């Protein structure tokens, strides 16, 4: 099996990694870079626990080969927070009680972040559609959807121009 020398930006940091041809993005993140926030749930692209942003789009890390990511930009759940500040979606999921066991949470956060980045005011249907690939056995989704709505509201409120 051959190894490949790849360079990519992960959470804003340039990484140069040697990976075998068959290593998934998920395995590379966890095993080579020590980013264990992204979870391995099913290894079949069905549960969404391994969702990361690949060039701004949510993908299942277990279904993408690491060699395919050469030159790409990856954002994991660890990359959402900036310095000491959680991302808005991280804050609202905590506030709304959308975390129970926490296993699905990284993928849910990444999928919600991608939705809010492309659509700052999603409808309930659009929120549900964006999260359809993320399975949760604990919360029943109500609080997660509420957290996305709250993040959308707060994001839009912050973006409103001040009237003088």
C-alpha atoms as a PDB file:
ATOM      1  CA  UNK A   1       0.000   0.000   0.000  1.00  0.00           C
ATOM      2  CA  UNK A   2       1.326   3.403  -0.939  1.00  0.00           C
ATOM      3  CA  UNK A   3       1.665   6.452   1.237  1.00  0.00           C
ATOM      4  CA  UNK A   4       0.879   9.977   0.117  1.00  0.00           C
ATOM      5  CA  UNK A   5       2.323  13.247   1.345  1.00  0.00           C
ATOM      6  CA  UNK A   6      -0.606  15.681   1.615  1.00  0.00           C
ATOM      7  CA  UNK A   7      -0.953  19.269   2.783  1.00  0.00           C
ATOM      8  CA  UNK A   8      -4.219  20.704   4.020  1.00  0.00           C
ATOM      9  CA  UNK A   9      -5.545  23.372   6.364  1.00  0.00           C
ATOM     10  CA  UNK A  10      -7.269  21.933   9.421  1.00  0.00           C
ATOM     11  CA  UNK A  11      -9.013  24.444  11.651  1.00  0.00           C
ATOM     12  CA  UNK A  12      -6.896  27.186  10.112  1.00  0.00           C
ATOM     13  CA  UNK A  13      -3.553  25.426  10.642  1.00  0.00           C
ATOM     14  CA  UNK A  14      -1.543  24.027   7.736  1.00  0.00           C
ATOM     15  CA  UNK A  15      -0.856  20.351   8.276  1.00  0.00           C
ATOM     16  CA  UNK A  16       1.477  18.142   6.241  1.00  0.00           C
ATOM     17  CA  UNK A  17       0.692  14.480   6.726  1.00  0.00           C
ATOM     18  CA  UNK A  18       1.798  11.145   5.278  1.00  0.00           C
ATOM     19  CA  UNK A  19      -1.269   8.954   4.848  1.00  0.00           C
ATOM     20  CA  UNK A  20      -1.858   5.504   3.388  1.00  0.00           C
ATOM     21  CA  UNK A  21      -4.008   5.335   0.256  1.00  0.00           C
ATOM     22  CA  UNK A  22      -6.953   3.795   2.099  1.00  0.00           C
ATOM     23  CA  UNK A  23      -7.016   6.051   5.181  1.00  0.00           C
ATOM     24  CA  UNK A  24     -10.229   8.016   5.629  1.00  0.00           C
ATOM     25  CA  UNK A  25     -10.361  11.680   6.513  1.00  0.00           C
ATOM     26  CA  UNK A  26     -11.924  10.662   9.829  1.00  0.00           C
ATOM     27  CA  UNK A  27      -9.051   8.304  10.677  1.00  0.00           C
ATOM     28  CA  UNK A  28      -6.467  10.882   9.662  1.00  0.00           C
ATOM     29  CA  UNK A  29      -8.046  13.546  11.872  1.00  0.00           C
ATOM     30  CA  UNK A  30      -8.265  11.226  14.871  1.00  0.00           C
ATOM     31  CA  UNK A  31      -5.112   9.120  14.494  1.00  0.00           C
ATOM     32  CA  UNK A  32      -2.611  11.409  12.775  1.00  0.00           C
ATOM     33  CA  UNK A  33      -3.707  14.810  14.093  1.00  0.00           C
ATOM     34  CA  UNK A  34      -5.198  13.858  17.467  1.00  0.00           C
ATOM     35  CA  UNK A  35      -8.496  15.635  16.766  1.00  0.00           C
ATOM     36  CA  UNK A  36     -10.817  13.227  18.537  1.00  0.00           C
ATOM     37  CA  UNK A  37     -13.862  15.503  18.726  1.00  0.00           C
ATOM     38  CA  UNK A  38     -15.078  14.079  15.435  1.00  0.00           C
ATOM     39  CA  UNK A  39     -16.637  10.711  16.281  1.00  0.00           C
ATOM     40  CA  UNK A  40     -16.688   7.369  14.493  1.00  0.00           C
ATOM     41  CA  UNK A  41     -20.236   6.109  14.767  1.00  0.00           C
ATOM     42  CA  UNK A  42     -20.991   3.725  11.935  1.00  0.00           C
ATOM     43  CA  UNK A  43     -18.098   3.856   9.417  1.00  0.00           C
ATOM     44  CA  UNK A  44     -20.741   3.717   6.680  1.00  0.00           C
ATOM     45  CA  UNK A  45     -21.844   7.332   6.199  1.00  0.00           C
ATOM     46  CA  UNK A  46     -25.209   6.758   7.869  1.00  0.00           C
ATOM     47  CA  UNK A  47     -25.031   8.413  11.314  1.00  0.00           C
ATOM     48  CA  UNK A  48     -23.330  11.788  10.754  1.00  0.00           C
ATOM     49  CA  UNK A  49     -21.183  11.613  13.909  1.00  0.00           C
ATOM     50  CA  UNK A  50     -18.084  12.150  11.752  1.00  0.00           C
ATOM     51  CA  UNK A  51     -19.372  15.224   9.901  1.00  0.00           C
ATOM     52  CA  UNK A  52     -16.723  17.864   9.167  1.00  0.00           C
ATOM     53  CA  UNK A  53     -16.589  20.811   6.786  1.00  0.00           C
ATOM     54  CA  UNK A  54     -14.567  20.114   3.648  1.00  0.00           C
ATOM     55  CA  UNK A  55     -14.050  23.383   1.787  1.00  0.00           C
ATOM     56  CA  UNK A  56     -17.116  24.758   3.553  1.00  0.00           C
ATOM     57  CA  UNK A  57     -19.424  21.815   2.839  1.00  0.00           C
ATOM     58  CA  UNK A  58     -20.483  19.199   5.388  1.00  0.00           C
ATOM     59  CA  UNK A  59     -19.219  15.688   4.569  1.00  0.00           C
ATOM     60  CA  UNK A  60     -19.039  12.386   6.390  1.00  0.00           C
ATOM     61  CA  UNK A  61     -15.358  12.014   7.244  1.00  0.00           C
ATOM     62  CA  UNK A  62     -15.680   8.223   7.180  1.00  0.00           C
ATOM     63  CA  UNK A  63     -16.615   8.325   3.495  1.00  0.00           C
ATOM     64  CA  UNK A  64     -13.818  10.591   2.215  1.00  0.00           C
ATOM     65  CA  UNK A  65     -10.271   9.393   1.678  1.00  0.00           C
ATOM     66  CA  UNK A  66      -7.619  11.584   3.264  1.00  0.00           C
ATOM     67  CA  UNK A  67      -5.647  11.709  -0.022  1.00  0.00           C
ATOM     68  CA  UNK A  68      -8.657  13.373  -1.646  1.00  0.00           C
ATOM     69  CA  UNK A  69      -8.259  16.279   0.785  1.00  0.00           C
ATOM     70  CA  UNK A  70      -4.831  17.392  -0.406  1.00  0.00           C
ATOM     71  CA  UNK A  71      -4.982  21.182  -0.720  1.00  0.00           C
ATOM     72  CA  UNK A  72      -8.343  21.373   1.042  1.00  0.00           C
ATOM     73  CA  UNK A  73      -9.625  23.283   4.030  1.00  0.00           C
ATOM     74  CA  UNK A  74     -11.140  21.206   6.838  1.00  0.00           C
ATOM     75  CA  UNK A  75     -13.063  22.442   9.880  1.00  0.00           C
ATOM     76  CA  UNK A  76     -13.775  20.035  12.730  1.00  0.00           C
ATOM     77  CA  UNK A  77     -15.780  20.616  15.880  1.00  0.00           C
ATOM     78  CA  UNK A  78     -12.542  21.716  17.560  1.00  0.00           C
ATOM     79  CA  UNK A  79     -12.287  24.519  14.997  1.00  0.00           C
ATOM     80  CA  UNK A  80     -15.667  26.081  15.761  1.00  0.00           C
ATOM     81  CA  UNK A  81     -14.578  27.854  18.921  1.00  0.00           C
ATOM     82  CA  UNK A  82     -12.265  30.840  18.493  1.00  0.00           C
ATOM     83  CA  UNK A  83      -9.780  31.447  21.307  1.00  0.00           C
ATOM     84  CA  UNK A  84     -11.827  31.330  24.510  1.00  0.00           C
ATOM     85  CA  UNK A  85     -15.182  31.899  22.797  1.00  0.00           C
ATOM     86  CA  UNK A  86     -17.582  29.198  21.698  1.00  0.00           C
ATOM     87  CA  UNK A  87     -19.268  29.532  18.343  1.00  0.00           C
ATOM     88  CA  UNK A  88     -22.854  30.780  18.559  1.00  0.00           C
ATOM     89  CA  UNK A  89     -24.265  27.339  17.655  1.00  0.00           C
ATOM     90  CA  UNK A  90     -22.187  25.765  20.443  1.00  0.00           C
ATOM     91  CA  UNK A  91     -23.560  28.285  22.944  1.00  0.00           C
ATOM     92  CA  UNK A  92     -27.173  27.808  21.916  1.00  0.00           C
ATOM     93  CA  UNK A  93     -27.052  24.004  21.884  1.00  0.00           C
ATOM     94  CA  UNK A  94     -25.833  24.144  25.492  1.00  0.00           C
ATOM     95  CA  UNK A  95     -28.428  26.768  26.472  1.00  0.00           C
ATOM     96  CA  UNK A  96     -31.269  24.785  24.885  1.00  0.00           C
ATOM     97  CA  UNK A  97     -30.212  21.456  26.396  1.00  0.00           C
ATOM     98  CA  UNK A  98     -29.489  19.889  23.026  1.00  0.00           C
ATOM     99  CA  UNK A  99     -26.644  17.761  24.388  1.00  0.00           C
ATOM    100  CA  UNK A 100     -27.228  14.541  26.262  1.00  0.00           C
ATOM    101  CA  UNK A 101     -24.703  11.756  25.695  1.00  0.00           C
ATOM    102  CA  UNK A 102     -22.783  14.055  23.330  1.00  0.00           C
ATOM    103  CA  UNK A 103     -21.806  11.447  20.759  1.00  0.00           C
ATOM    104  CA  UNK A 104     -23.797  13.007  17.898  1.00  0.00           C
ATOM    105  CA  UNK A 105     -23.075  16.573  19.018  1.00  0.00           C
ATOM    106  CA  UNK A 106     -19.924  17.258  16.932  1.00  0.00           C
ATOM    107  CA  UNK A 107     -21.662  16.231  13.707  1.00  0.00           C
ATOM    108  CA  UNK A 108     -24.834  18.120  14.625  1.00  0.00           C
ATOM    109  CA  UNK A 109     -22.825  21.269  15.363  1.00  0.00           C
ATOM    110  CA  UNK A 110     -20.940  21.081  12.068  1.00  0.00           C
ATOM    111  CA  UNK A 111     -24.126  20.459  10.054  1.00  0.00           C
ATOM    112  CA  UNK A 112     -25.918  23.324  11.831  1.00  0.00           C
ATOM    113  CA  UNK A 113     -22.934  25.647  11.326  1.00  0.00           C
ATOM    114  CA  UNK A 114     -22.879  24.855   7.598  1.00  0.00           C
ATOM    115  CA  UNK A 115     -26.615  25.578   7.365  1.00  0.00           C
ATOM    116  CA  UNK A 116     -26.378  28.907   9.187  1.00  0.00           C
ATOM    117  CA  UNK A 117     -23.362  29.962   7.115  1.00  0.00           C
ATOM    118  CA  UNK A 118     -25.276  29.455   3.862  1.00  0.00           C
ATOM    119  CA  UNK A 119     -28.726  30.433   5.157  1.00  0.00           C
ATOM    120  CA  UNK A 120     -28.807  32.711   8.215  1.00  0.00           C
ATOM    121  CA  UNK A 121     -32.609  32.506   8.512  1.00  0.00           C
ATOM    122  CA  UNK A 122     -33.634  28.894   7.846  1.00  0.00           C
ATOM    123  CA  UNK A 123     -37.191  27.638   8.189  1.00  0.00           C
ATOM    124  CA  UNK A 124     -38.014  24.679  10.423  1.00  0.00           C
ATOM    125  CA  UNK A 125     -38.100  22.491   7.325  1.00  0.00           C
ATOM    126  CA  UNK A 126     -34.662  23.706   6.223  1.00  0.00           C
ATOM    127  CA  UNK A 127     -33.216  23.032   9.681  1.00  0.00           C
ATOM    128  CA  UNK A 128     -34.642  19.521   9.730  1.00  0.00           C
ATOM    129  CA  UNK A 129     -33.403  18.916   6.190  1.00  0.00           C
ATOM    130  CA  UNK A 130     -29.874  20.096   7.080  1.00  0.00           C
ATOM    131  CA  UNK A 131     -29.757  17.743  10.076  1.00  0.00           C
ATOM    132  CA  UNK A 132     -31.321  14.724   8.351  1.00  0.00           C
ATOM    133  CA  UNK A 133     -27.970  12.942   8.033  1.00  0.00           C
ATOM    134  CA  UNK A 134     -27.222  13.223  11.759  1.00  0.00           C
ATOM    135  CA  UNK A 135     -28.706  10.550  13.982  1.00  0.00           C
ATOM    136  CA  UNK A 136     -29.323  11.123  17.679  1.00  0.00           C
ATOM    137  CA  UNK A 137     -30.608   8.464  20.049  1.00  0.00           C
ATOM    138  CA  UNK A 138     -31.004  10.707  23.107  1.00  0.00           C
ATOM    139  CA  UNK A 139     -32.555  14.114  22.493  1.00  0.00           C
ATOM    140  CA  UNK A 140     -35.442  13.546  20.113  1.00  0.00           C
ATOM    141  CA  UNK A 141     -34.095  16.503  18.062  1.00  0.00           C
ATOM    142  CA  UNK A 142     -36.533  19.089  19.499  1.00  0.00           C
ATOM    143  CA  UNK A 143     -33.895  20.853  21.585  1.00  0.00           C
ATOM    144  CA  UNK A 144     -31.311  20.652  18.814  1.00  0.00           C
ATOM    145  CA  UNK A 145     -33.711  22.282  16.353  1.00  0.00           C
ATOM    146  CA  UNK A 146     -34.560  24.884  18.989  1.00  0.00           C
ATOM    147  CA  UNK A 147     -30.835  25.619  19.387  1.00  0.00           C
ATOM    148  CA  UNK A 148     -30.416  26.159  15.635  1.00  0.00           C
ATOM    149  CA  UNK A 149     -33.436  28.490  15.602  1.00  0.00           C
ATOM    150  CA  UNK A 150     -32.056  30.433  18.552  1.00  0.00           C
ATOM    151  CA  UNK A 151     -28.624  30.728  16.911  1.00  0.00           C
ATOM    152  CA  UNK A 152     -30.297  31.951  13.715  1.00  0.00           C
ATOM    153  CA  UNK A 153     -32.303  34.545  15.637  1.00  0.00           C
ATOM    154  CA  UNK A 154     -29.266  35.771  17.577  1.00  0.00           C
ATOM    155  CA  UNK A 155     -27.091  35.856  14.454  1.00  0.00           C
ATOM    156  CA  UNK A 156     -29.693  37.907  12.600  1.00  0.00           C
ATOM    157  CA  UNK A 157     -30.227  40.186  15.577  1.00  0.00           C
ATOM    158  CA  UNK A 158     -26.479  40.923  15.727  1.00  0.00           C
ATOM    159  CA  UNK A 159     -26.456  41.658  11.994  1.00  0.00           C
ATOM    160  CA  UNK A 160     -29.257  44.249  12.164  1.00  0.00           C
ATOM    161  CA  UNK A 161     -28.015  47.762  11.489  1.00  0.00           C
ATOM    162  CA  UNK A 162     -28.365  50.260  14.302  1.00  0.00           C
ATOM    163  CA  UNK A 163     -30.959  52.924  13.604  1.00  0.00           C
ATOM    164  CA  UNK A 164     -29.915  56.421  14.607  1.00  0.00           C
END
